[in-house]
């Protein structure tokens, strides 16, 4: 029986290019966790993230002939996952209401200090942003896309991407201040 640990990534990819379902299953298993981590940043819930991951792998298996083995596979995979998740969210992004932060109900978890922020805390803060702002923040700050690339992906002007990023950063600053104030009050 084939195991994902028994085969080199380059050989695994070469076998997947031939359409061998056994190797495609191994590749899926090997990179599922990575793909879900990327997808969860762009999806509202786990079910949407899983759907985007599965759809992305289907696209990957259909497009393996376009893969350049000189480039990292994870980067190629990540592009498919991000684009698929964004395609699924495009309708919501287009019609989303932007609620002013002062009108939003903020639910914060308690932790000792702002210095103890962990990745999950940051992801939770991102979930408090309007979806378009969180998406653009992820694409620009975490995945390194340019505003021009983001604009093309989301069907908006590059200048709109810049504005949404600025708004996202400002709201994150406010959320962090509120969180810090709440933590200080709870310590007293």
N, C-alpha and C. Protein backbone atom coordinates (compact mmCIF):
# COMPACT_ATOMS: atom_id res chain seq x y z
N UNK A 1 0.84 -1.19 0.00
CA UNK A 1 0.00 0.00 0.00
C UNK A 1 0.88 1.25 0.00
N UNK A 2 0.53 2.22 -0.81
CA UNK A 2 1.27 3.47 -0.90
C UNK A 2 1.00 4.35 0.31
N UNK A 3 2.05 4.99 0.80
CA UNK A 3 1.90 5.94 1.90
C UNK A 3 2.51 7.26 1.45
N UNK A 4 1.93 8.36 1.95
CA UNK A 4 2.42 9.66 1.52
C UNK A 4 3.86 9.91 1.95
N UNK A 5 4.30 9.30 3.03
CA UNK A 5 5.67 9.50 3.51
C UNK A 5 6.69 8.73 2.66
N UNK A 6 6.22 7.74 1.91
CA UNK A 6 7.12 6.88 1.14
C UNK A 6 7.50 7.43 -0.23
N UNK A 7 6.96 8.57 -0.62
CA UNK A 7 7.17 9.05 -1.97
C UNK A 7 7.60 10.52 -1.94
N UNK A 8 8.58 10.85 -2.74
CA UNK A 8 9.07 12.23 -2.82
C UNK A 8 8.01 13.11 -3.49
N UNK A 9 7.99 14.38 -3.10
CA UNK A 9 7.00 15.30 -3.65
C UNK A 9 7.09 15.39 -5.17
N UNK A 10 8.30 15.43 -5.72
CA UNK A 10 8.47 15.54 -7.18
C UNK A 10 7.91 14.32 -7.90
N UNK A 11 8.13 13.14 -7.33
CA UNK A 11 7.59 11.93 -7.94
C UNK A 11 6.08 11.89 -7.81
N UNK A 12 5.59 12.31 -6.65
CA UNK A 12 4.15 12.35 -6.41
C UNK A 12 3.46 13.25 -7.45
N UNK A 13 4.03 14.40 -7.68
CA UNK A 13 3.47 15.35 -8.65
C UNK A 13 3.55 14.77 -10.06
N UNK A 14 4.67 14.15 -10.38
CA UNK A 14 4.82 13.54 -11.71
C UNK A 14 3.76 12.47 -11.94
N UNK A 15 3.50 11.67 -10.92
CA UNK A 15 2.49 10.60 -11.04
C UNK A 15 1.08 11.19 -11.14
N UNK A 16 0.85 12.28 -10.42
CA UNK A 16 -0.46 12.94 -10.48
C UNK A 16 -0.72 13.49 -11.88
N UNK A 17 0.34 13.98 -12.51
CA UNK A 17 0.21 14.53 -13.87
C UNK A 17 -0.29 13.47 -14.85
N UNK A 18 0.00 12.20 -14.57
CA UNK A 18 -0.45 11.12 -15.46
C UNK A 18 -1.91 10.76 -15.21
N UNK A 19 -2.50 11.33 -14.15
CA UNK A 19 -3.90 11.06 -13.84
C UNK A 19 -4.13 9.87 -12.93
N UNK A 20 -3.07 9.35 -12.32
CA UNK A 20 -3.19 8.20 -11.43
C UNK A 20 -3.94 8.59 -10.16
N UNK A 21 -5.13 8.04 -9.97
CA UNK A 21 -5.99 8.41 -8.85
C UNK A 21 -5.38 8.08 -7.49
N UNK A 22 -4.59 7.01 -7.42
CA UNK A 22 -3.96 6.66 -6.14
C UNK A 22 -3.03 7.78 -5.68
N UNK A 23 -2.26 8.31 -6.61
CA UNK A 23 -1.31 9.36 -6.27
C UNK A 23 -2.02 10.69 -6.03
N UNK A 24 -3.11 10.92 -6.74
CA UNK A 24 -3.90 12.13 -6.49
C UNK A 24 -4.47 12.10 -5.08
N UNK A 25 -4.90 10.94 -4.64
CA UNK A 25 -5.43 10.80 -3.27
C UNK A 25 -4.31 11.07 -2.24
N UNK A 26 -3.12 10.57 -2.50
CA UNK A 26 -2.00 10.80 -1.60
C UNK A 26 -1.66 12.29 -1.56
N UNK A 27 -1.65 12.92 -2.73
CA UNK A 27 -1.36 14.36 -2.78
C UNK A 27 -2.41 15.14 -2.00
N UNK A 28 -3.67 14.80 -2.20
CA UNK A 28 -4.77 15.46 -1.48
C UNK A 28 -4.57 15.31 0.03
N UNK A 29 -4.29 14.12 0.48
CA UNK A 29 -4.09 13.85 1.90
C UNK A 29 -2.89 14.62 2.45
N UNK A 30 -1.82 14.65 1.68
CA UNK A 30 -0.59 15.31 2.11
C UNK A 30 -0.77 16.82 2.26
N UNK A 31 -1.52 17.45 1.37
CA UNK A 31 -1.64 18.90 1.36
C UNK A 31 -2.99 19.42 1.84
N UNK A 32 -3.85 18.53 2.31
CA UNK A 32 -5.19 18.93 2.76
C UNK A 32 -5.11 19.96 3.90
N UNK A 33 -4.31 19.71 4.91
CA UNK A 33 -4.21 20.61 6.06
C UNK A 33 -3.73 21.99 5.65
N UNK A 34 -2.74 22.04 4.80
CA UNK A 34 -2.23 23.32 4.31
C UNK A 34 -3.33 24.07 3.55
N UNK A 35 -4.00 23.35 2.65
CA UNK A 35 -5.06 23.98 1.84
C UNK A 35 -6.21 24.47 2.71
N UNK A 36 -6.58 23.70 3.72
CA UNK A 36 -7.66 24.14 4.62
C UNK A 36 -7.25 25.39 5.38
N UNK A 37 -6.00 25.46 5.82
CA UNK A 37 -5.53 26.65 6.53
C UNK A 37 -5.66 27.89 5.68
N UNK A 38 -5.32 27.77 4.40
CA UNK A 38 -5.45 28.91 3.48
C UNK A 38 -6.93 29.22 3.27
N UNK A 39 -7.71 28.21 2.99
CA UNK A 39 -9.13 28.40 2.68
C UNK A 39 -9.92 29.01 3.84
N UNK A 40 -9.60 28.61 5.05
CA UNK A 40 -10.32 29.12 6.22
C UNK A 40 -10.17 30.64 6.37
N UNK A 41 -9.06 31.19 5.89
CA UNK A 41 -8.87 32.64 5.97
C UNK A 41 -9.81 33.38 5.03
N UNK A 42 -10.30 32.71 4.01
CA UNK A 42 -11.15 33.36 3.00
C UNK A 42 -12.59 32.89 3.03
N UNK A 43 -12.93 32.03 3.95
CA UNK A 43 -14.27 31.46 4.01
C UNK A 43 -14.95 31.86 5.31
N UNK A 44 -16.26 31.93 5.26
CA UNK A 44 -17.02 32.32 6.45
C UNK A 44 -17.06 31.19 7.46
N UNK A 45 -17.14 29.96 6.98
CA UNK A 45 -17.22 28.83 7.91
C UNK A 45 -16.45 27.64 7.35
N UNK A 46 -16.35 26.61 8.16
CA UNK A 46 -15.56 25.43 7.81
C UNK A 46 -16.13 24.70 6.59
N UNK A 47 -17.45 24.66 6.47
CA UNK A 47 -18.08 23.97 5.34
C UNK A 47 -17.72 24.66 4.02
N UNK A 48 -17.77 25.99 4.00
CA UNK A 48 -17.39 26.74 2.80
C UNK A 48 -15.91 26.51 2.48
N UNK A 49 -15.09 26.49 3.53
CA UNK A 49 -13.65 26.27 3.33
C UNK A 49 -13.40 24.89 2.73
N UNK A 50 -14.06 23.88 3.25
CA UNK A 50 -13.91 22.51 2.74
C UNK A 50 -14.35 22.42 1.29
N UNK A 51 -15.46 23.05 0.96
CA UNK A 51 -15.94 23.05 -0.41
C UNK A 51 -14.92 23.72 -1.35
N UNK A 52 -14.36 24.83 -0.90
CA UNK A 52 -13.35 25.52 -1.72
C UNK A 52 -12.11 24.65 -1.90
N UNK A 53 -11.68 23.96 -0.85
CA UNK A 53 -10.50 23.08 -0.95
C UNK A 53 -10.77 21.95 -1.94
N UNK A 54 -11.91 21.31 -1.82
CA UNK A 54 -12.22 20.21 -2.72
C UNK A 54 -12.30 20.68 -4.18
N UNK A 55 -12.95 21.83 -4.38
CA UNK A 55 -13.04 22.38 -5.74
C UNK A 55 -11.66 22.75 -6.28
N UNK A 56 -10.81 23.29 -5.40
CA UNK A 56 -9.46 23.67 -5.82
C UNK A 56 -8.66 22.44 -6.24
N UNK A 57 -8.77 21.36 -5.49
CA UNK A 57 -8.04 20.14 -5.87
C UNK A 57 -8.55 19.58 -7.19
N UNK A 58 -9.83 19.66 -7.43
CA UNK A 58 -10.36 19.21 -8.73
C UNK A 58 -9.73 20.03 -9.85
N UNK A 59 -9.67 21.34 -9.66
CA UNK A 59 -9.05 22.22 -10.67
C UNK A 59 -7.57 21.89 -10.85
N UNK A 60 -6.90 21.62 -9.75
CA UNK A 60 -5.47 21.28 -9.81
C UNK A 60 -5.26 20.01 -10.62
N UNK A 61 -6.06 18.99 -10.33
CA UNK A 61 -5.90 17.72 -11.04
C UNK A 61 -6.20 17.88 -12.53
N UNK A 62 -7.10 18.78 -12.88
CA UNK A 62 -7.41 19.03 -14.30
C UNK A 62 -6.32 19.87 -14.97
N UNK A 63 -5.58 20.65 -14.20
CA UNK A 63 -4.61 21.59 -14.76
C UNK A 63 -3.16 21.24 -14.47
N UNK A 64 -2.89 20.02 -14.10
CA UNK A 64 -1.52 19.64 -13.75
C UNK A 64 -0.54 19.86 -14.89
N UNK A 65 -1.04 19.80 -16.12
CA UNK A 65 -0.13 20.00 -17.26
C UNK A 65 0.45 21.41 -17.27
N UNK A 66 -0.19 22.35 -16.58
CA UNK A 66 0.29 23.74 -16.53
C UNK A 66 1.25 23.99 -15.36
N UNK A 67 1.44 23.00 -14.51
CA UNK A 67 2.31 23.19 -13.35
C UNK A 67 3.78 23.21 -13.77
N UNK A 68 4.51 24.20 -13.30
CA UNK A 68 5.94 24.33 -13.56
C UNK A 68 6.69 23.75 -12.35
N UNK A 69 7.33 22.60 -12.51
CA UNK A 69 8.02 21.96 -11.37
C UNK A 69 9.19 22.78 -10.82
N UNK A 70 9.59 23.84 -11.51
CA UNK A 70 10.65 24.71 -10.99
C UNK A 70 10.13 25.63 -9.90
N UNK A 71 8.82 25.73 -9.78
CA UNK A 71 8.21 26.60 -8.76
C UNK A 71 7.65 25.74 -7.64
N UNK A 72 7.58 26.31 -6.43
CA UNK A 72 7.07 25.54 -5.29
C UNK A 72 5.61 25.11 -5.49
N UNK A 73 5.35 23.85 -5.22
CA UNK A 73 3.99 23.33 -5.38
C UNK A 73 3.02 24.03 -4.44
N UNK A 74 3.44 24.28 -3.21
CA UNK A 74 2.53 24.91 -2.24
C UNK A 74 2.06 26.28 -2.72
N UNK A 75 2.92 27.02 -3.38
CA UNK A 75 2.52 28.34 -3.89
C UNK A 75 1.46 28.17 -4.99
N UNK A 76 1.67 27.19 -5.85
CA UNK A 76 0.71 26.92 -6.92
C UNK A 76 -0.62 26.48 -6.33
N UNK A 77 -0.58 25.57 -5.37
CA UNK A 77 -1.78 25.10 -4.68
C UNK A 77 -2.49 26.25 -4.00
N UNK A 78 -1.73 27.07 -3.29
CA UNK A 78 -2.30 28.20 -2.58
C UNK A 78 -3.06 29.14 -3.52
N UNK A 79 -2.53 29.38 -4.69
CA UNK A 79 -3.20 30.24 -5.66
C UNK A 79 -4.55 29.65 -6.06
N UNK A 80 -4.60 28.36 -6.30
CA UNK A 80 -5.87 27.71 -6.65
C UNK A 80 -6.87 27.81 -5.49
N UNK A 81 -6.41 27.56 -4.28
CA UNK A 81 -7.30 27.59 -3.12
C UNK A 81 -7.85 29.01 -2.90
N UNK A 82 -6.96 29.99 -2.94
CA UNK A 82 -7.39 31.38 -2.73
C UNK A 82 -8.39 31.79 -3.81
N UNK A 83 -8.06 31.54 -5.07
CA UNK A 83 -8.96 31.94 -6.15
C UNK A 83 -10.31 31.23 -6.06
N UNK A 84 -10.30 29.97 -5.70
CA UNK A 84 -11.54 29.21 -5.59
C UNK A 84 -12.39 29.74 -4.43
N UNK A 85 -11.76 29.98 -3.29
CA UNK A 85 -12.50 30.51 -2.14
C UNK A 85 -13.06 31.90 -2.45
N UNK A 86 -12.28 32.71 -3.12
CA UNK A 86 -12.76 34.06 -3.47
C UNK A 86 -13.89 33.99 -4.49
N UNK A 87 -13.78 33.10 -5.45
CA UNK A 87 -14.87 32.93 -6.42
C UNK A 87 -16.17 32.58 -5.70
N UNK A 88 -16.07 31.74 -4.70
CA UNK A 88 -17.26 31.33 -3.95
C UNK A 88 -17.83 32.48 -3.13
N UNK A 89 -16.98 33.40 -2.72
CA UNK A 89 -17.41 34.52 -1.88
C UNK A 89 -17.75 35.77 -2.68
N UNK A 90 -17.46 35.76 -3.95
CA UNK A 90 -17.59 36.97 -4.77
C UNK A 90 -18.97 37.62 -4.65
N UNK A 91 -20.03 36.83 -4.68
CA UNK A 91 -21.37 37.39 -4.56
C UNK A 91 -21.54 38.12 -3.23
N UNK A 92 -21.12 37.47 -2.15
CA UNK A 92 -21.25 38.08 -0.84
C UNK A 92 -20.42 39.35 -0.73
N UNK A 93 -19.23 39.33 -1.32
CA UNK A 93 -18.38 40.52 -1.28
C UNK A 93 -19.02 41.67 -2.04
N UNK A 94 -19.65 41.35 -3.16
CA UNK A 94 -20.23 42.39 -4.00
C UNK A 94 -21.42 43.07 -3.33
N UNK A 95 -22.23 42.30 -2.61
CA UNK A 95 -23.45 42.84 -2.03
C UNK A 95 -23.39 43.03 -0.52
N UNK A 96 -22.22 42.91 0.04
CA UNK A 96 -22.07 42.98 1.47
C UNK A 96 -22.34 44.37 2.01
N UNK A 97 -23.02 44.42 3.13
CA UNK A 97 -23.22 45.68 3.82
C UNK A 97 -21.99 45.98 4.66
N UNK A 98 -21.52 47.19 4.60
CA UNK A 98 -20.44 47.60 5.48
C UNK A 98 -21.06 48.26 6.70
N UNK A 99 -20.89 47.64 7.84
CA UNK A 99 -21.43 48.17 9.08
C UNK A 99 -20.34 48.95 9.78
N UNK A 100 -20.66 50.13 10.21
CA UNK A 100 -19.69 50.94 10.92
C UNK A 100 -19.32 50.25 12.22
N UNK A 101 -18.05 50.33 12.59
CA UNK A 101 -17.55 49.67 13.79
C UNK A 101 -18.31 50.10 15.03
N UNK A 102 -18.71 51.35 15.10
CA UNK A 102 -19.41 51.83 16.28
C UNK A 102 -20.78 51.17 16.44
N UNK A 103 -21.33 50.64 15.33
CA UNK A 103 -22.62 49.97 15.38
C UNK A 103 -22.49 48.46 15.58
N UNK A 104 -21.30 47.94 15.45
CA UNK A 104 -21.09 46.50 15.53
C UNK A 104 -21.10 46.03 16.97
N UNK A 105 -21.58 44.83 17.15
CA UNK A 105 -21.53 44.18 18.46
C UNK A 105 -20.22 43.42 18.50
N UNK A 106 -19.40 43.74 19.47
CA UNK A 106 -18.07 43.14 19.54
C UNK A 106 -18.05 42.10 20.65
N UNK A 107 -17.67 40.90 20.28
CA UNK A 107 -17.52 39.82 21.23
C UNK A 107 -16.05 39.48 21.26
N UNK A 108 -15.42 39.72 22.38
CA UNK A 108 -13.99 39.48 22.50
C UNK A 108 -13.72 38.40 23.54
N UNK A 109 -12.72 37.60 23.27
CA UNK A 109 -12.30 36.63 24.26
C UNK A 109 -11.30 37.30 25.19
N UNK A 110 -11.26 36.85 26.41
CA UNK A 110 -10.33 37.47 27.34
C UNK A 110 -8.98 36.76 27.26
N UNK A 111 -7.95 37.53 27.37
CA UNK A 111 -6.60 36.99 27.49
C UNK A 111 -5.81 37.96 28.35
N UNK A 112 -4.65 37.58 28.78
CA UNK A 112 -3.93 38.38 29.77
C UNK A 112 -3.50 39.75 29.25
N UNK A 113 -2.77 39.79 28.15
CA UNK A 113 -2.30 41.07 27.64
C UNK A 113 -2.32 41.05 26.13
N UNK A 114 -2.21 42.23 25.55
CA UNK A 114 -2.19 42.34 24.09
C UNK A 114 -0.95 41.63 23.53
N UNK A 115 0.10 41.57 24.30
CA UNK A 115 1.32 40.89 23.87
C UNK A 115 1.13 39.39 23.73
N UNK A 116 0.06 38.86 24.29
CA UNK A 116 -0.21 37.43 24.22
C UNK A 116 -1.08 37.05 23.03
N UNK A 117 -1.25 37.97 22.09
CA UNK A 117 -2.04 37.66 20.91
C UNK A 117 -1.41 36.48 20.18
N UNK A 118 -2.22 35.54 19.83
CA UNK A 118 -1.76 34.40 19.07
C UNK A 118 -2.44 34.42 17.71
N UNK A 119 -2.03 33.54 16.84
CA UNK A 119 -2.58 33.52 15.48
C UNK A 119 -4.10 33.41 15.51
N UNK A 120 -4.64 32.57 16.39
CA UNK A 120 -6.10 32.41 16.45
C UNK A 120 -6.77 33.69 16.90
N UNK A 121 -6.15 34.45 17.82
CA UNK A 121 -6.70 35.73 18.25
C UNK A 121 -6.78 36.70 17.07
N UNK A 122 -5.74 36.72 16.27
CA UNK A 122 -5.71 37.61 15.10
C UNK A 122 -6.78 37.19 14.10
N UNK A 123 -6.91 35.89 13.86
CA UNK A 123 -7.95 35.41 12.95
C UNK A 123 -9.34 35.77 13.47
N UNK A 124 -9.53 35.68 14.77
CA UNK A 124 -10.82 36.06 15.35
C UNK A 124 -11.10 37.54 15.15
N UNK A 125 -10.08 38.39 15.29
CA UNK A 125 -10.25 39.82 15.04
C UNK A 125 -10.58 40.08 13.57
N UNK A 126 -9.93 39.35 12.67
CA UNK A 126 -10.22 39.51 11.24
C UNK A 126 -11.66 39.15 10.91
N UNK A 127 -12.22 38.20 11.65
CA UNK A 127 -13.61 37.80 11.40
C UNK A 127 -14.60 38.89 11.79
N UNK A 128 -14.16 39.85 12.60
CA UNK A 128 -15.02 40.96 12.98
C UNK A 128 -15.08 42.05 11.90
N UNK A 129 -14.18 41.97 10.94
CA UNK A 129 -14.17 42.94 9.84
C UNK A 129 -15.22 42.57 8.80
N UNK A 130 -15.69 43.56 8.05
CA UNK A 130 -16.54 43.22 6.90
C UNK A 130 -15.75 42.28 5.98
N UNK A 131 -16.45 41.39 5.32
CA UNK A 131 -15.81 40.33 4.55
C UNK A 131 -14.86 40.87 3.49
N UNK A 132 -15.23 41.92 2.81
CA UNK A 132 -14.34 42.46 1.76
C UNK A 132 -13.05 42.97 2.37
N UNK A 133 -13.13 43.61 3.53
CA UNK A 133 -11.92 44.13 4.17
C UNK A 133 -11.03 42.98 4.65
N UNK A 134 -11.63 41.98 5.25
CA UNK A 134 -10.84 40.83 5.72
C UNK A 134 -10.18 40.11 4.54
N UNK A 135 -10.92 39.98 3.46
CA UNK A 135 -10.38 39.30 2.27
C UNK A 135 -9.19 40.07 1.71
N UNK A 136 -9.34 41.36 1.57
CA UNK A 136 -8.26 42.17 1.01
C UNK A 136 -7.07 42.21 1.97
N UNK A 137 -7.32 42.28 3.27
CA UNK A 137 -6.24 42.23 4.25
C UNK A 137 -5.45 40.93 4.08
N UNK A 138 -6.15 39.81 3.99
CA UNK A 138 -5.50 38.50 3.81
C UNK A 138 -4.69 38.46 2.52
N UNK A 139 -5.31 38.89 1.43
CA UNK A 139 -4.64 38.82 0.14
C UNK A 139 -3.38 39.69 0.11
N UNK A 140 -3.47 40.89 0.66
CA UNK A 140 -2.35 41.83 0.58
C UNK A 140 -1.29 41.55 1.65
N UNK A 141 -1.72 41.51 2.91
CA UNK A 141 -0.77 41.42 4.02
C UNK A 141 -0.23 40.01 4.24
N UNK A 142 -1.04 39.00 4.01
CA UNK A 142 -0.61 37.63 4.33
C UNK A 142 -0.11 36.90 3.09
N UNK A 143 -0.85 37.02 1.98
CA UNK A 143 -0.47 36.27 0.78
C UNK A 143 0.37 37.06 -0.20
N UNK A 144 0.52 38.36 0.01
CA UNK A 144 1.45 39.16 -0.77
C UNK A 144 1.00 39.57 -2.17
N UNK A 145 -0.29 39.56 -2.43
CA UNK A 145 -0.77 40.02 -3.73
C UNK A 145 -0.71 41.54 -3.79
N UNK A 146 -0.53 42.08 -5.00
CA UNK A 146 -0.55 43.53 -5.18
C UNK A 146 -2.00 44.01 -5.26
N UNK A 147 -2.19 45.31 -5.13
CA UNK A 147 -3.56 45.85 -5.22
C UNK A 147 -4.12 45.64 -6.63
N UNK A 148 -3.27 45.67 -7.63
CA UNK A 148 -3.73 45.43 -8.99
C UNK A 148 -4.22 43.99 -9.15
N UNK A 149 -3.47 43.04 -8.59
CA UNK A 149 -3.88 41.63 -8.65
C UNK A 149 -5.18 41.41 -7.87
N UNK A 150 -5.28 42.02 -6.71
CA UNK A 150 -6.49 41.90 -5.89
C UNK A 150 -7.68 42.47 -6.64
N UNK A 151 -7.48 43.63 -7.26
CA UNK A 151 -8.55 44.25 -8.03
C UNK A 151 -9.08 43.32 -9.12
N UNK A 152 -8.17 42.67 -9.83
CA UNK A 152 -8.58 41.74 -10.89
C UNK A 152 -9.31 40.54 -10.31
N UNK A 153 -8.81 40.02 -9.18
CA UNK A 153 -9.43 38.85 -8.57
C UNK A 153 -10.86 39.14 -8.10
N UNK A 154 -11.05 40.34 -7.53
CA UNK A 154 -12.34 40.67 -6.93
C UNK A 154 -13.24 41.50 -7.84
N UNK A 155 -12.73 41.90 -8.97
CA UNK A 155 -13.52 42.70 -9.89
C UNK A 155 -13.74 44.12 -9.39
N UNK A 156 -12.73 44.68 -8.73
CA UNK A 156 -12.79 46.06 -8.23
C UNK A 156 -11.55 46.81 -8.70
N UNK A 157 -11.58 48.13 -8.56
CA UNK A 157 -10.42 48.94 -8.93
C UNK A 157 -9.31 48.74 -7.90
N UNK A 158 -8.07 48.86 -8.35
CA UNK A 158 -6.93 48.75 -7.44
C UNK A 158 -7.02 49.81 -6.35
N UNK A 159 -7.52 50.99 -6.70
CA UNK A 159 -7.67 52.05 -5.69
C UNK A 159 -8.69 51.66 -4.62
N UNK A 160 -9.73 50.93 -5.01
CA UNK A 160 -10.71 50.45 -4.02
C UNK A 160 -10.06 49.45 -3.08
N UNK A 161 -9.18 48.61 -3.63
CA UNK A 161 -8.47 47.66 -2.79
C UNK A 161 -7.64 48.39 -1.74
N UNK A 162 -6.97 49.46 -2.14
CA UNK A 162 -6.18 50.25 -1.19
C UNK A 162 -7.06 50.85 -0.09
N UNK A 163 -8.21 51.38 -0.49
CA UNK A 163 -9.13 51.99 0.48
C UNK A 163 -9.63 50.93 1.46
N UNK A 164 -10.04 49.77 0.95
CA UNK A 164 -10.53 48.71 1.84
C UNK A 164 -9.44 48.23 2.79
N UNK A 165 -8.19 48.16 2.31
CA UNK A 165 -7.08 47.76 3.17
C UNK A 165 -6.86 48.79 4.28
N UNK A 166 -6.90 50.06 3.92
CA UNK A 166 -6.73 51.12 4.91
C UNK A 166 -7.83 51.04 5.97
N UNK A 167 -9.06 50.84 5.53
CA UNK A 167 -10.19 50.72 6.46
C UNK A 167 -10.03 49.49 7.36
N UNK A 168 -9.57 48.39 6.77
CA UNK A 168 -9.38 47.17 7.56
C UNK A 168 -8.34 47.39 8.65
N UNK A 169 -7.24 48.03 8.29
CA UNK A 169 -6.18 48.28 9.28
C UNK A 169 -6.68 49.21 10.38
N UNK A 170 -7.43 50.22 10.01
CA UNK A 170 -7.97 51.15 11.01
C UNK A 170 -8.94 50.43 11.95
N UNK A 171 -9.80 49.60 11.41
CA UNK A 171 -10.75 48.86 12.26
C UNK A 171 -10.02 47.87 13.15
N UNK A 172 -8.97 47.25 12.64
CA UNK A 172 -8.18 46.33 13.47
C UNK A 172 -7.52 47.08 14.62
N UNK A 173 -7.00 48.29 14.33
CA UNK A 173 -6.41 49.10 15.41
C UNK A 173 -7.45 49.40 16.48
N UNK A 174 -8.65 49.80 16.05
CA UNK A 174 -9.73 50.10 17.01
C UNK A 174 -10.11 48.87 17.82
N UNK A 175 -10.21 47.73 17.14
CA UNK A 175 -10.55 46.49 17.85
C UNK A 175 -9.48 46.12 18.87
N UNK A 176 -8.23 46.33 18.51
CA UNK A 176 -7.14 46.04 19.45
C UNK A 176 -7.18 46.99 20.64
N UNK A 177 -7.50 48.25 20.40
CA UNK A 177 -7.63 49.21 21.51
C UNK A 177 -8.78 48.82 22.43
N UNK A 178 -9.90 48.45 21.85
CA UNK A 178 -11.05 48.02 22.65
C UNK A 178 -10.68 46.78 23.45
N UNK A 179 -10.02 45.85 22.81
CA UNK A 179 -9.61 44.61 23.48
C UNK A 179 -8.66 44.92 24.64
N UNK A 180 -7.69 45.81 24.40
CA UNK A 180 -6.73 46.19 25.45
C UNK A 180 -7.45 46.86 26.62
N UNK A 181 -8.36 47.77 26.30
CA UNK A 181 -9.13 48.44 27.36
C UNK A 181 -9.93 47.43 28.17
N UNK A 182 -10.58 46.50 27.51
CA UNK A 182 -11.36 45.47 28.20
C UNK A 182 -10.48 44.61 29.10
N UNK A 183 -9.28 44.30 28.63
CA UNK A 183 -8.37 43.48 29.42
C UNK A 183 -7.88 44.25 30.64
N UNK A 184 -7.61 45.53 30.46
CA UNK A 184 -7.17 46.35 31.60
C UNK A 184 -8.26 46.43 32.65
N UNK A 185 -9.50 46.61 32.21
CA UNK A 185 -10.63 46.71 33.15
C UNK A 185 -10.83 45.39 33.91
N UNK A 186 -10.63 44.27 33.21
CA UNK A 186 -10.85 42.98 33.85
C UNK A 186 -9.75 42.66 34.86
N UNK A 187 -8.57 43.27 34.70
CA UNK A 187 -7.45 43.04 35.62
C UNK A 187 -7.69 43.81 36.92
N UNK A 188 -8.32 44.95 36.83
CA UNK A 188 -8.54 45.80 38.02
C UNK A 188 -9.43 45.16 38.98
